[in-house]
Amino acid sequence: MSAKKHSIIYDDKCNLCSNFIGFVRKNMNAEKLNFIPFNSPIIYELIKTDISEIKDMRSIIYIRGNKIMMKSKAILYIFREMKKLWPCLYLFIIIPRFIRDGIYDFIAKNRYKWFGRTACTCQI
């Protein structure tokens, strides 16, 4: 693991997730980030708590220093640190979390059906 301070943990078998990671690489200072697929044993070192909540691999996780963010909060914080006008999307943080995460969970539940799944695991 490099000395980078921020990490994004994602489902590398999910086309939506992998495309989002590509988008992040283009619109964020990616030199400061580690991109880690869920199947990597490194996540157990990074998240030193019970990770049963993420075992279904329906959540992008953003680790910024010692802060661990999941689901809609992770996505919004990632947008907040992007270039150009993307940080404006952080304004959606005012929507109550249960609504944001409800939408996130609906998309996560259907992501393979809508966007497809890759047969191989390929690190970006």
C-alpha atoms as a PDB file:
ATOM      1  CA  MET A   1       0.000   0.000   0.000  1.00  0.00           C
ATOM      2  CA  SER A   2       1.392   3.365  -0.946  1.00  0.00           C
ATOM      3  CA  ALA A   3       1.558   6.379   1.340  1.00  0.00           C
ATOM      4  CA  LYS A   4      -1.498   7.933  -0.315  1.00  0.00           C
ATOM      5  CA  LYS A   5      -3.956   9.302   2.199  1.00  0.00           C
ATOM      6  CA  HIS A   6      -7.257   8.588   0.464  1.00  0.00           C
ATOM      7  CA  SER A   7      -8.707   5.338  -0.842  1.00  0.00           C
ATOM      8  CA  ILE A   8     -11.762   4.354  -2.822  1.00  0.00           C
ATOM      9  CA  ILE A   9     -12.936   0.773  -2.391  1.00  0.00           C
ATOM     10  CA  TYR A  10     -15.224  -0.423  -5.167  1.00  0.00           C
ATOM     11  CA  ASP A  11     -16.720  -3.474  -6.866  1.00  0.00           C
ATOM     12  CA  ASP A  12     -14.417  -4.061  -9.839  1.00  0.00           C
ATOM     13  CA  LYS A  13     -16.841  -6.621 -11.305  1.00  0.00           C
ATOM     14  CA  CYS A  14     -19.513  -3.930 -11.691  1.00  0.00           C
ATOM     15  CA  ASN A  15     -19.420  -1.914 -14.918  1.00  0.00           C
ATOM     16  CA  LEU A  16     -21.072   1.096 -13.259  1.00  0.00           C
ATOM     17  CA  CYS A  17     -18.528   1.110 -10.435  1.00  0.00           C
ATOM     18  CA  SER A  18     -15.547   0.627 -12.737  1.00  0.00           C
ATOM     19  CA  ASN A  19     -16.755   3.406 -15.038  1.00  0.00           C
ATOM     20  CA  PHE A  20     -17.225   5.682 -12.027  1.00  0.00           C
ATOM     21  CA  ILE A  21     -13.617   4.992 -10.998  1.00  0.00           C
ATOM     22  CA  GLY A  22     -12.467   5.942 -14.505  1.00  0.00           C
ATOM     23  CA  PHE A  23     -14.505   9.136 -14.226  1.00  0.00           C
ATOM     24  CA  VAL A  24     -12.921   9.906 -10.847  1.00  0.00           C
ATOM     25  CA  ARG A  25      -9.429   9.396 -12.286  1.00  0.00           C
ATOM     26  CA  LYS A  26     -10.152  12.007 -14.972  1.00  0.00           C
ATOM     27  CA  ASN A  27     -11.794  14.568 -12.688  1.00  0.00           C
ATOM     28  CA  MET A  28      -9.900  14.304  -9.421  1.00  0.00           C
ATOM     29  CA  ASN A  29      -6.266  14.463  -8.403  1.00  0.00           C
ATOM     30  CA  ALA A  30      -5.868  10.691  -8.670  1.00  0.00           C
ATOM     31  CA  GLU A  31      -2.236  10.756  -7.507  1.00  0.00           C
ATOM     32  CA  LYS A  32      -3.560  11.139  -3.957  1.00  0.00           C
ATOM     33  CA  LEU A  33      -5.864   8.141  -4.239  1.00  0.00           C
ATOM     34  CA  ASN A  34      -5.635   4.384  -3.905  1.00  0.00           C
ATOM     35  CA  PHE A  35      -8.231   2.472  -5.948  1.00  0.00           C
ATOM     36  CA  ILE A  36      -8.899  -0.831  -4.224  1.00  0.00           C
ATOM     37  CA  PRO A  37     -11.291  -3.556  -5.424  1.00  0.00           C
ATOM     38  CA  PHE A  38     -13.492  -5.266  -2.821  1.00  0.00           C
ATOM     39  CA  ASN A  39     -11.779  -8.609  -3.319  1.00  0.00           C
ATOM     40  CA  SER A  40      -8.445  -7.189  -2.143  1.00  0.00           C
ATOM     41  CA  PRO A  41      -7.271  -8.306   1.314  1.00  0.00           C
ATOM     42  CA  ILE A  42      -6.026  -4.744   1.881  1.00  0.00           C
ATOM     43  CA  ILE A  43      -9.536  -3.619   2.834  1.00  0.00           C
ATOM     44  CA  TYR A  44      -9.260  -5.597   6.065  1.00  0.00           C
ATOM     45  CA  GLU A  45      -6.240  -3.489   6.996  1.00  0.00           C
ATOM     46  CA  LEU A  46      -7.935  -0.213   6.066  1.00  0.00           C
ATOM     47  CA  ILE A  47     -11.258  -0.894   7.753  1.00  0.00           C
ATOM     48  CA  LYS A  48     -10.405  -2.188  11.165  1.00  0.00           C
ATOM     49  CA  THR A  49     -14.049  -2.534  12.192  1.00  0.00           C
ATOM     50  CA  ASP A  50     -16.759  -5.052  11.410  1.00  0.00           C
ATOM     51  CA  ILE A  51     -17.121  -4.978   7.633  1.00  0.00           C
ATOM     52  CA  SER A  52     -20.191  -7.216   7.467  1.00  0.00           C
ATOM     53  CA  GLU A  53     -22.185  -4.212   6.205  1.00  0.00           C
ATOM     54  CA  ILE A  54     -20.137  -4.102   3.002  1.00  0.00           C
ATOM     55  CA  LYS A  55     -19.738  -7.806   2.304  1.00  0.00           C
ATOM     56  CA  ASP A  56     -22.595  -7.694  -0.208  1.00  0.00           C
ATOM     57  CA  MET A  57     -20.436  -5.254  -2.222  1.00  0.00           C
ATOM     58  CA  ARG A  58     -23.211  -2.748  -2.779  1.00  0.00           C
ATOM     59  CA  SER A  59     -21.336   0.263  -1.504  1.00  0.00           C
ATOM     60  CA  ILE A  60     -18.490   2.402  -2.712  1.00  0.00           C
ATOM     61  CA  ILE A  61     -16.347   3.260   0.288  1.00  0.00           C
ATOM     62  CA  TYR A  62     -14.284   6.422   0.488  1.00  0.00           C
ATOM     63  CA  ILE A  63     -11.559   6.521   3.109  1.00  0.00           C
ATOM     64  CA  ARG A  64     -10.205   9.999   3.676  1.00  0.00           C
ATOM     65  CA  GLY A  65      -7.543   9.938   6.358  1.00  0.00           C
ATOM     66  CA  ASN A  66      -9.209   8.204   9.316  1.00  0.00           C
ATOM     67  CA  LYS A  67     -12.755   8.923   8.121  1.00  0.00           C
ATOM     68  CA  ILE A  68     -14.700   6.110   6.437  1.00  0.00           C
ATOM     69  CA  MET A  69     -17.672   7.110   4.277  1.00  0.00           C
ATOM     70  CA  MET A  70     -20.085   4.768   2.560  1.00  0.00           C
ATOM     71  CA  LYS A  71     -22.914   4.897   0.045  1.00  0.00           C
ATOM     72  CA  SER A  72     -24.282   8.335  -0.884  1.00  0.00           C
ATOM     73  CA  LYS A  73     -22.022  10.159   1.561  1.00  0.00           C
ATOM     74  CA  ALA A  74     -18.939   8.614  -0.076  1.00  0.00           C
ATOM     75  CA  ILE A  75     -20.135   9.582  -3.557  1.00  0.00           C
ATOM     76  CA  LEU A  76     -20.934  13.164  -2.508  1.00  0.00           C
ATOM     77  CA  TYR A  77     -17.558  13.620  -0.795  1.00  0.00           C
ATOM     78  CA  ILE A  78     -15.801  12.310  -3.881  1.00  0.00           C
ATOM     79  CA  PHE A  79     -17.698  14.823  -6.031  1.00  0.00           C
ATOM     80  CA  ARG A  80     -16.789  17.548  -3.544  1.00  0.00           C
ATOM     81  CA  GLU A  81     -13.099  17.008  -4.255  1.00  0.00           C
ATOM     82  CA  MET A  82     -13.356  16.904  -8.042  1.00  0.00           C
ATOM     83  CA  LYS A  83     -12.373  19.553 -10.577  1.00  0.00           C
ATOM     84  CA  LYS A  84     -14.600  21.972 -12.490  1.00  0.00           C
ATOM     85  CA  LEU A  85     -18.281  22.172 -11.471  1.00  0.00           C
ATOM     86  CA  TRP A  86     -18.585  18.641 -10.037  1.00  0.00           C
ATOM     87  CA  PRO A  87     -18.284  19.887  -6.411  1.00  0.00           C
ATOM     88  CA  CYS A  88     -21.695  21.546  -6.867  1.00  0.00           C
ATOM     89  CA  LEU A  89     -23.242  18.083  -6.568  1.00  0.00           C
ATOM     90  CA  TYR A  90     -22.164  18.070  -2.932  1.00  0.00           C
ATOM     91  CA  LEU A  91     -25.208  20.272  -2.307  1.00  0.00           C
ATOM     92  CA  PHE A  92     -27.276  17.077  -2.347  1.00  0.00           C
ATOM     93  CA  ILE A  93     -25.885  16.431   1.141  1.00  0.00           C
ATOM     94  CA  ILE A  94     -28.838  18.500   2.439  1.00  0.00           C
ATOM     95  CA  ILE A  95     -31.190  15.684   1.409  1.00  0.00           C
ATOM     96  CA  PRO A  96     -31.732  13.416   4.417  1.00  0.00           C
ATOM     97  CA  ARG A  97     -29.395  10.453   4.427  1.00  0.00           C
ATOM     98  CA  PHE A  98     -32.163   7.843   4.500  1.00  0.00           C
ATOM     99  CA  ILE A  99     -33.508   9.230   1.204  1.00  0.00           C
ATOM    100  CA  ARG A 100     -30.060   9.494  -0.431  1.00  0.00           C
ATOM    101  CA  ASP A 101     -29.065   6.017   0.718  1.00  0.00           C
ATOM    102  CA  GLY A 102     -32.454   4.630  -0.345  1.00  0.00           C
ATOM    103  CA  ILE A 103     -31.808   5.829  -3.897  1.00  0.00           C
ATOM    104  CA  TYR A 104     -28.219   4.558  -3.691  1.00  0.00           C
ATOM    105  CA  ASP A 105     -29.412   1.114  -2.509  1.00  0.00           C
ATOM    106  CA  PHE A 106     -31.992   0.915  -5.327  1.00  0.00           C
ATOM    107  CA  ILE A 107     -29.322   1.627  -7.936  1.00  0.00           C
ATOM    108  CA  ALA A 108     -26.865  -0.751  -6.233  1.00  0.00           C
ATOM    109  CA  LYS A 109     -29.441  -3.537  -6.185  1.00  0.00           C
ATOM    110  CA  ASN A 110     -30.045  -3.196  -9.930  1.00  0.00           C
ATOM    111  CA  ARG A 111     -26.586  -2.183 -11.143  1.00  0.00           C
ATOM    112  CA  TYR A 112     -25.632  -5.538 -12.684  1.00  0.00           C
ATOM    113  CA  LYS A 113     -28.960  -5.784 -14.510  1.00  0.00           C
ATOM    114  CA  TRP A 114     -28.781  -2.207 -15.843  1.00  0.00           C
ATOM    115  CA  PHE A 115     -25.049  -1.743 -16.471  1.00  0.00           C
ATOM    116  CA  GLY A 116     -23.686  -5.286 -16.683  1.00  0.00           C
ATOM    117  CA  ARG A 117     -20.999  -7.237 -14.934  1.00  0.00           C
ATOM    118  CA  THR A 118     -17.511  -8.074 -16.081  1.00  0.00           C
ATOM    119  CA  ALA A 119     -16.383 -11.682 -15.886  1.00  0.00           C
ATOM    120  CA  CYS A 120     -12.805 -10.828 -14.956  1.00  0.00           C
ATOM    121  CA  THR A 121     -11.519  -8.675 -12.150  1.00  0.00           C
ATOM    122  CA  CYS A 122      -9.344  -5.957 -13.571  1.00  0.00           C
ATOM    123  CA  GLN A 123      -7.722  -3.292 -11.462  1.00  0.00           C
ATOM    124  CA  ILE A 124      -7.806   0.162 -12.990  1.00  0.00           C
END
